[in-house]
Protein backbone atom coordinates (compact mmCIF):
# COMPACT_ATOMS: atom_id res chain seq x y z
CA MET A 1 93.43 11.67 -56.25
CA ASN A 2 93.26 15.18 -54.80
CA LEU A 3 94.31 16.38 -51.35
CA ASP A 4 90.73 16.35 -49.98
CA SER A 5 90.36 12.66 -50.94
CA ILE A 6 93.64 11.77 -49.23
CA ILE A 7 92.60 13.64 -46.07
CA THR A 8 89.20 11.89 -46.10
CA ILE A 9 90.86 8.46 -46.37
CA LEU A 10 93.26 9.24 -43.52
CA GLU A 11 90.43 10.62 -41.36
CA PHE A 12 88.41 7.47 -41.92
CA ILE A 13 91.26 5.04 -41.24
CA LEU A 14 92.35 6.82 -38.06
CA ALA A 15 88.81 7.27 -36.69
CA LEU A 16 87.59 3.74 -37.43
CA GLY A 17 90.90 2.29 -36.27
CA PHE A 18 90.61 4.19 -33.00
CA ILE A 19 87.08 2.91 -32.39
CA LEU A 20 88.12 -0.69 -33.04
CA LEU A 21 91.26 -0.33 -30.95
CA LEU A 22 89.28 1.12 -28.05
CA HIS A 23 87.05 -1.97 -28.17
CA GLU A 24 90.08 -4.20 -27.63
CA LEU A 25 91.46 -1.84 -25.01
CA GLY A 26 88.24 -2.35 -23.04
CA HIS A 27 88.86 -6.11 -23.01
CA PHE A 28 92.50 -5.51 -22.05
CA ILE A 29 91.85 -3.17 -19.11
CA VAL A 30 89.12 -5.27 -17.52
CA GLY A 31 91.06 -8.49 -18.10
CA ARG A 32 94.09 -6.95 -16.41
CA LEU A 33 91.99 -5.73 -13.47
CA PHE A 34 90.93 -9.34 -12.86
CA LYS A 35 94.49 -10.62 -13.33
CA VAL A 36 93.79 -12.55 -16.53
CA GLU A 37 97.06 -13.10 -18.38
CA ILE A 38 97.32 -11.48 -21.82
CA GLU A 39 99.86 -12.76 -24.31
CA GLU A 40 99.72 -9.95 -26.86
CA PHE A 41 98.01 -6.63 -27.43
CA GLY A 42 98.32 -5.63 -31.07
CA ILE A 43 97.78 -2.25 -32.70
CA GLY A 44 96.41 -3.06 -36.15
CA TYR A 45 95.95 -6.57 -37.51
CA PRO A 46 98.67 -9.11 -38.46
CA PRO A 47 101.02 -9.66 -40.14
CA ARG A 48 103.24 -8.15 -37.47
CA LEU A 49 105.35 -5.13 -38.40
CA LEU A 50 107.41 -4.92 -35.22
CA LYS A 51 107.45 -5.65 -31.51
CA LEU A 52 107.08 -2.44 -29.52
CA PHE A 53 107.74 -3.56 -25.93
CA SER A 54 106.72 -6.06 -23.25
CA TRP A 55 104.91 -5.16 -20.04
CA ARG A 56 103.93 -7.58 -17.26
CA GLY A 57 104.08 -10.53 -19.60
CA THR A 58 102.18 -8.88 -22.44
CA LEU A 59 103.82 -8.21 -25.80
CA PHE A 60 102.70 -4.96 -27.42
CA SER A 61 103.04 -5.07 -31.19
CA LEU A 62 102.47 -2.89 -34.24
CA ASN A 63 100.89 -4.65 -37.23
CA TRP A 64 100.58 -3.95 -40.93
CA ILE A 65 96.79 -3.67 -41.38
CA PRO A 66 95.87 -0.25 -39.91
CA PHE A 67 92.42 -1.05 -38.53
CA GLY A 68 91.90 -1.43 -34.80
CA GLY A 69 93.81 -4.13 -33.04
CA PHE A 70 93.48 -7.32 -31.04
CA CYS A 71 93.86 -8.57 -27.49
CA ARG A 72 95.02 -12.20 -27.30
CA PHE A 73 94.31 -13.69 -23.90
CA LYS A 74 96.18 -16.67 -22.62
CA GLY A 75 94.11 -19.86 -22.81
CA GLU A 76 91.06 -18.26 -24.45
CA GLY A 77 89.53 -21.63 -25.34
CA ASP A 78 91.19 -24.00 -22.86
CA PRO A 79 90.06 -23.92 -19.21
CA ALA A 80 92.97 -26.24 -18.30
CA ILE A 81 95.48 -23.41 -18.82
CA GLN A 82 95.91 -21.68 -15.48
CA GLY A 83 95.80 -17.88 -15.51
CA GLY A 84 94.02 -17.82 -18.87
CA LEU A 85 90.63 -16.42 -19.76
CA ALA A 86 88.81 -19.74 -20.07
CA ALA A 87 90.11 -20.79 -16.64
CA ALA A 88 88.76 -17.64 -14.94
CA ASN A 89 85.48 -17.77 -13.03
CA LYS A 90 82.24 -16.96 -14.82
CA TRP A 91 81.95 -13.40 -13.49
CA VAL A 92 85.46 -12.52 -14.62
CA ARG A 93 84.72 -13.90 -18.09
CA LEU A 94 81.40 -12.06 -18.19
CA SER A 95 83.06 -8.75 -17.27
CA THR A 96 86.02 -9.20 -19.62
CA LEU A 97 83.98 -10.28 -22.64
CA SER A 98 81.39 -7.52 -22.24
CA ALA A 99 84.01 -4.81 -21.63
CA GLY A 100 84.75 -4.30 -25.35
CA PRO A 101 81.16 -3.59 -26.47
CA ILE A 102 80.48 -1.52 -23.36
CA THR A 103 83.55 0.61 -24.09
CA ASN A 104 82.19 1.34 -27.56
CA LEU A 105 78.79 2.25 -26.14
CA LEU A 106 80.40 4.58 -23.59
CA LEU A 107 82.40 6.22 -26.39
CA ALA A 108 79.22 6.66 -28.45
CA THR A 109 77.50 8.24 -25.44
CA LEU A 110 80.31 10.77 -24.99
CA LEU A 111 80.46 11.58 -28.71
CA PHE A 112 76.69 12.07 -28.92
CA ALA A 113 76.87 14.22 -25.78
CA PHE A 114 79.45 16.45 -27.46
CA VAL A 115 77.26 16.85 -30.54
CA ILE A 116 74.20 17.64 -28.42
CA SER A 117 76.17 20.22 -26.44
CA GLN A 118 76.91 22.05 -29.72
CA PHE A 119 73.22 22.44 -30.59
CA GLY A 120 71.45 22.29 -27.24
CA ILE A 121 68.41 20.26 -26.28
CA PRO A 122 64.84 20.96 -27.43
CA GLN A 123 62.48 22.41 -24.82
CA THR A 124 59.63 20.07 -25.72
CA ASN A 125 57.14 21.87 -23.47
CA ILE A 126 57.46 25.09 -25.52
CA VAL A 127 55.90 25.32 -29.01
CA GLU A 128 57.56 27.78 -31.36
CA VAL A 129 56.49 28.92 -34.82
CA ARG A 130 59.43 28.27 -37.17
CA GLU A 131 57.89 29.16 -40.55
CA VAL A 132 54.64 30.70 -41.76
CA GLY A 133 53.12 29.75 -45.12
CA ILE A 134 52.31 32.46 -47.68
CA ASN A 135 48.59 33.37 -47.74
CA SER A 136 47.94 30.89 -44.96
CA PRO A 137 45.49 31.56 -42.09
CA ALA A 138 48.50 32.04 -39.83
CA GLU A 139 50.01 34.75 -42.06
CA LYS A 140 46.70 36.54 -42.48
CA ALA A 141 46.20 36.50 -38.71
CA GLY A 142 49.66 37.99 -38.11
CA LEU A 143 51.69 35.03 -36.81
CA ILE A 144 55.43 35.34 -37.47
CA PRO A 145 58.45 33.05 -36.99
CA GLY A 146 59.65 33.08 -33.40
CA ASP A 147 56.17 33.34 -31.85
CA ILE A 148 55.57 31.05 -28.88
CA ILE A 149 52.07 29.53 -28.73
CA GLN A 150 51.05 29.44 -25.08
CA GLN A 151 47.29 28.81 -25.20
CA PHE A 152 44.70 27.42 -27.60
CA ASN A 153 41.14 28.58 -26.79
CA ASN A 154 42.30 29.33 -23.20
CA GLU A 155 43.81 25.84 -22.88
CA SER A 156 47.54 25.71 -22.06
CA ILE A 157 49.80 24.20 -24.75
CA ASN A 158 52.68 22.03 -23.50
CA SER A 159 53.72 20.13 -26.62
CA ILE A 160 53.53 20.18 -30.41
CA ASP A 161 51.35 17.04 -30.42
CA GLU A 162 48.90 18.73 -28.06
CA LEU A 163 48.56 21.71 -30.38
CA ILE A 164 48.14 19.49 -33.46
CA ASN A 165 45.41 17.41 -31.78
CA LEU A 166 43.46 20.50 -30.70
CA THR A 167 43.79 22.00 -34.17
CA GLN A 168 42.42 18.84 -35.81
CA LYS A 169 39.38 19.00 -33.53
CA ASN A 170 38.64 22.58 -34.57
CA LEU A 171 39.02 22.53 -38.37
CA GLY A 172 36.83 25.20 -39.94
CA ASN A 173 36.13 26.88 -36.60
CA GLU A 174 37.64 30.15 -35.43
CA ILE A 175 40.17 29.65 -32.65
CA THR A 176 42.00 31.97 -30.27
CA LEU A 177 45.73 31.69 -29.69
CA LEU A 178 47.68 33.35 -26.89
CA ILE A 179 51.09 34.24 -28.31
CA HIS A 180 54.30 35.27 -26.54
CA ARG A 181 56.36 37.63 -28.73
CA ASN A 182 59.29 39.81 -27.69
CA SER A 183 58.44 39.86 -23.97
CA SER A 184 54.78 40.64 -24.64
CA GLU A 185 51.60 38.61 -25.05
CA LEU A 186 49.20 38.86 -28.00
CA THR A 187 45.83 37.33 -28.76
CA ILE A 188 45.38 36.11 -32.32
CA LYS A 189 42.27 34.69 -33.96
CA LEU A 190 42.30 32.44 -37.03
CA THR A 191 40.38 29.57 -38.65
CA PRO A 192 42.29 26.32 -39.40
CA ARG A 193 41.64 25.10 -42.94
CA THR A 194 39.76 21.87 -43.55
CA ASN A 195 41.55 21.27 -46.89
CA PRO A 196 45.01 22.86 -46.73
CA PRO A 197 47.32 22.82 -49.81
CA ASP A 198 49.77 19.93 -50.18
CA GLY A 199 52.72 20.33 -47.84
CA GLU A 200 50.91 22.67 -45.45
CA GLY A 201 48.89 22.11 -42.30
CA PRO A 202 45.52 23.62 -41.34
CA MET A 203 47.09 26.78 -39.88
CA GLY A 204 49.98 26.95 -42.34
CA VAL A 205 52.83 26.94 -39.83
CA LEU A 206 55.95 24.86 -39.29
CA LEU A 207 56.32 24.16 -35.57
CA GLY A 208 59.38 23.38 -33.50
CA ASN A 209 60.87 23.62 -30.05
CA PRO A 210 63.38 26.29 -28.99
CA MET A 211 66.81 24.94 -28.09
CA GLN A 212 68.31 25.25 -24.62
CA SER A 213 72.08 25.50 -24.30
CA VAL A 214 73.69 22.75 -22.20
CA SER A 215 77.23 21.81 -21.25
CA ILE A 216 78.77 18.53 -22.37
CA PHE A 217 78.27 17.14 -18.85
CA GLN A 218 74.58 18.06 -18.91
CA SER A 219 74.37 16.42 -22.35
CA ILE A 220 75.60 13.00 -21.16
CA PRO A 221 72.12 11.66 -20.20
CA PHE A 222 70.84 12.72 -23.63
CA GLY A 223 73.87 11.14 -25.29
CA PHE A 224 73.15 7.92 -23.38
CA GLN A 225 69.51 8.00 -24.48
CA THR A 226 70.55 8.52 -28.09
CA THR A 227 72.84 5.48 -27.86
CA ILE A 228 70.06 3.36 -26.33
CA ASP A 229 67.64 4.47 -29.05
CA MET A 230 70.14 3.27 -31.68
CA GLY A 231 70.29 -0.11 -29.96
CA LYS A 232 66.49 -0.36 -29.98
CA GLN A 233 66.44 0.32 -33.72
CA LEU A 234 69.06 -2.36 -34.33
CA PHE A 235 67.21 -5.05 -32.38
CA ILE A 236 63.77 -4.06 -33.74
CA LEU A 237 64.95 -4.11 -37.37
CA PRO A 238 64.61 -7.92 -37.85
CA ILE A 239 61.04 -7.75 -36.51
CA LEU A 240 60.17 -4.92 -38.91
CA LEU A 241 61.71 -6.93 -41.74
CA LEU A 242 59.59 -9.99 -40.91
CA ARG A 243 56.48 -7.83 -40.75
CA GLY A 244 57.24 -6.41 -44.16
CA GLU A 245 57.54 -2.88 -42.78
CA VAL A 246 61.11 -2.59 -44.13
CA ASP A 247 61.99 -3.30 -47.76
CA PRO A 248 64.74 -6.00 -47.82
CA SER A 249 66.32 -4.23 -50.82
CA GLN A 250 67.01 -1.24 -48.57
CA MET A 251 69.01 -3.36 -46.12
CA ARG A 252 72.63 -4.24 -46.76
CA LEU A 253 75.60 -5.41 -44.73
CA LEU A 254 78.64 -3.17 -45.02
CA SER A 255 82.34 -3.84 -44.95
CA PRO A 256 84.78 -1.06 -43.95
CA LYS A 257 84.90 -0.28 -47.70
CA GLY A 258 81.12 0.29 -47.75
CA ILE A 259 81.26 2.44 -44.61
CA TYR A 260 84.04 4.49 -46.21
CA ASP A 261 81.95 4.96 -49.37
CA ILE A 262 79.15 6.47 -47.28
CA TYR A 263 81.54 8.62 -45.26
CA SER A 264 83.36 9.94 -48.34
CA GLN A 265 80.11 10.89 -50.09
CA VAL A 266 78.75 12.63 -47.00
CA ARG A 267 82.08 14.41 -46.51
CA ASP A 268 82.22 15.47 -50.16
CA ALA A 269 78.69 16.91 -50.09
CA GLU A 270 79.49 18.67 -46.83
CA LEU A 271 82.61 20.37 -48.25
CA LYS A 272 80.60 21.59 -51.25
CA ALA A 273 77.83 23.09 -49.09
CA GLU A 274 77.64 26.88 -49.21
CA ASN A 275 77.23 27.17 -45.45
CA TYR A 276 80.12 24.82 -44.64
CA THR A 277 82.25 25.75 -41.64
CA PRO A 278 85.06 23.81 -39.93
CA GLN A 279 82.88 23.55 -36.80
CA MET A 280 80.06 21.99 -38.81
CA GLY A 281 82.59 19.57 -40.33
CA LEU A 282 83.85 18.55 -36.89
CA VAL A 283 80.34 18.02 -35.51
CA ASN A 284 79.31 15.92 -38.53
CA PHE A 285 82.54 13.91 -38.30
CA ILE A 286 81.92 13.14 -34.61
CA SER A 287 78.24 12.34 -35.27
CA PHE A 288 79.14 9.84 -37.98
CA PHE A 289 81.63 7.94 -35.85
CA ALA A 290 79.37 8.07 -32.80
CA VAL A 291 76.88 6.07 -34.87
CA ILE A 292 79.64 3.66 -35.94
CA SER A 293 80.82 3.17 -32.35
CA ALA A 294 77.27 2.49 -31.12
CA ALA A 295 76.64 0.07 -34.00
CA LEU A 296 79.89 -1.78 -33.25
CA GLY A 297 79.03 -2.03 -29.55
CA PHE A 298 75.52 -3.35 -30.06
CA SER A 299 76.38 -5.67 -32.96
CA ASN A 300 79.11 -7.30 -30.85
CA LEU A 301 76.49 -8.09 -28.20
CA LEU A 302 74.39 -10.06 -30.68
CA PRO A 303 74.34 -13.81 -29.88
CA ILE A 304 76.46 -14.74 -32.89
CA PRO A 305 79.21 -17.38 -32.41
CA ALA A 306 82.75 -15.95 -32.36
CA LEU A 307 81.50 -12.48 -31.42
CA ASP A 308 81.51 -11.26 -27.81
CA GLY A 309 77.74 -11.79 -27.59
CA GLY A 310 78.11 -15.36 -28.84
CA ARG A 311 80.68 -16.08 -26.13
CA LEU A 312 78.47 -14.47 -23.49
CA ILE A 313 75.59 -16.80 -24.45
CA PHE A 314 77.68 -19.78 -23.32
CA LEU A 315 77.89 -18.26 -19.85
CA ILE A 316 74.12 -18.45 -19.31
CA PRO A 317 73.98 -22.18 -18.32
CA GLU A 318 76.93 -21.64 -15.99
CA ILE A 319 75.34 -18.58 -14.34
CA LEU A 320 71.86 -20.10 -14.01
CA PHE A 321 72.63 -23.76 -13.35
CA ASN A 322 76.33 -23.80 -12.48
CA ARG A 323 76.85 -26.15 -15.44
CA ARG A 324 79.52 -25.23 -17.95
CA VAL A 325 79.25 -26.13 -21.63
CA PRO A 326 82.24 -28.40 -22.46
CA SER A 327 84.99 -26.31 -24.03
CA LYS A 328 85.36 -28.63 -27.04
CA TYR A 329 81.76 -27.98 -28.09
CA GLU A 330 82.00 -24.25 -27.42
CA ASN A 331 85.25 -23.97 -29.39
CA MET A 332 83.79 -25.96 -32.28
CA ILE A 333 80.74 -23.69 -32.50
CA HIS A 334 82.90 -20.57 -32.35
CA PHE A 335 85.14 -21.97 -35.07
CA ILE A 336 82.16 -22.65 -37.32
CA GLY A 337 80.73 -19.21 -36.52
CA PHE A 338 84.04 -17.48 -37.22
CA SER A 339 84.42 -19.32 -40.52
CA ALA A 340 80.90 -18.34 -41.54
CA LEU A 341 81.49 -14.71 -40.57
CA LEU A 342 84.74 -14.69 -42.54
CA LEU A 343 82.98 -15.97 -45.66
CA ILE A 344 80.18 -13.42 -45.22
CA MET A 345 82.67 -10.58 -44.81
CA ILE A 346 84.56 -11.66 -47.94
CA TYR A 347 81.28 -11.65 -49.86
CA VAL A 348 80.33 -8.23 -48.43
CA PHE A 349 83.75 -6.81 -49.31
CA ILE A 350 83.39 -8.05 -52.90
CA GLN A 351 79.88 -6.59 -53.13
CA ASP A 352 81.10 -3.22 -51.86
CA PHE A 353 83.72 -3.16 -54.62
CA ILE A 354 81.53 -4.51 -57.43
CA ASN A 355 78.39 -2.61 -56.47
CA PRO A 356 79.49 0.37 -54.34
CA ILE A 357 76.89 2.27 -52.37
CA VAL A 358 75.74 5.52 -53.98
CA LEU A 359 73.78 7.80 -51.68
CA PRO A 360 70.71 9.52 -53.20
């Protein structure tokens, strides 16, 4: 094992561990704000390595398995224990249980915002020529990369889709484009092809939007939107699977081992790239774990027993009808759900070792 492999493993363990630990820290902070008693906050998973210190009745411990941590509330499943989580009112439980996933989603938003601030945001109302095909109508007419297409037959252009639609309506007919180039305006005439070569469009140009520089604070709304879009994809995926729009063979649950396999292959390819720079490595690193943080946040909100979302589901009758599901039934369902999840994770771990993911 070379030095790069060791660094990659350490990067992965620390980054994933931090994301998981932050999830538990979200539960801890909100629980504390509402005066819910917490017996132990562990860094890493048991078995316990050592006791660090105690603070306001909470033991802080360091554990052997270096992934994330845990927050053990007093009376999690017994409402008869005063000061515990199950004994708290429904709004306190709702806030405390949802705090972990929300913390991960907030982290994903900030990480995506950082990445966006490094590249800028596309100005979608400006259409720029990125590439011009050889011997295409665009090249023969004099279009060059960097040209801004402002008008099409005297009609203003405000998006790439708008330009594409107008072009499709005028195949084989000469058109007039108003171009902005180097602080000047030019008029260019060309005829979009009815049967362009494979891989080229009627005009023979690759279009894009110029990027506008933004600060990380200006990027936060875009980071939030990126996180929301990831959530939409996660919740739409089962529907696409049922419709047959997604091949089941392309879907696979991943253990931390599987996630590491993907990360290590991406990292290895990145280091071998000719244009690799430390800044590019940092941005890709942050992008990868922004996706992981968002996935962890949304997946924990799924209504699966033993997960935060599964526990939140049991609050619905209490919120709507002021009727609480008896704790013995809730605990039994969570126990069954946890056991099932444990078996699934063992199977997924074995699969990731026997049949590791190989990226194309």
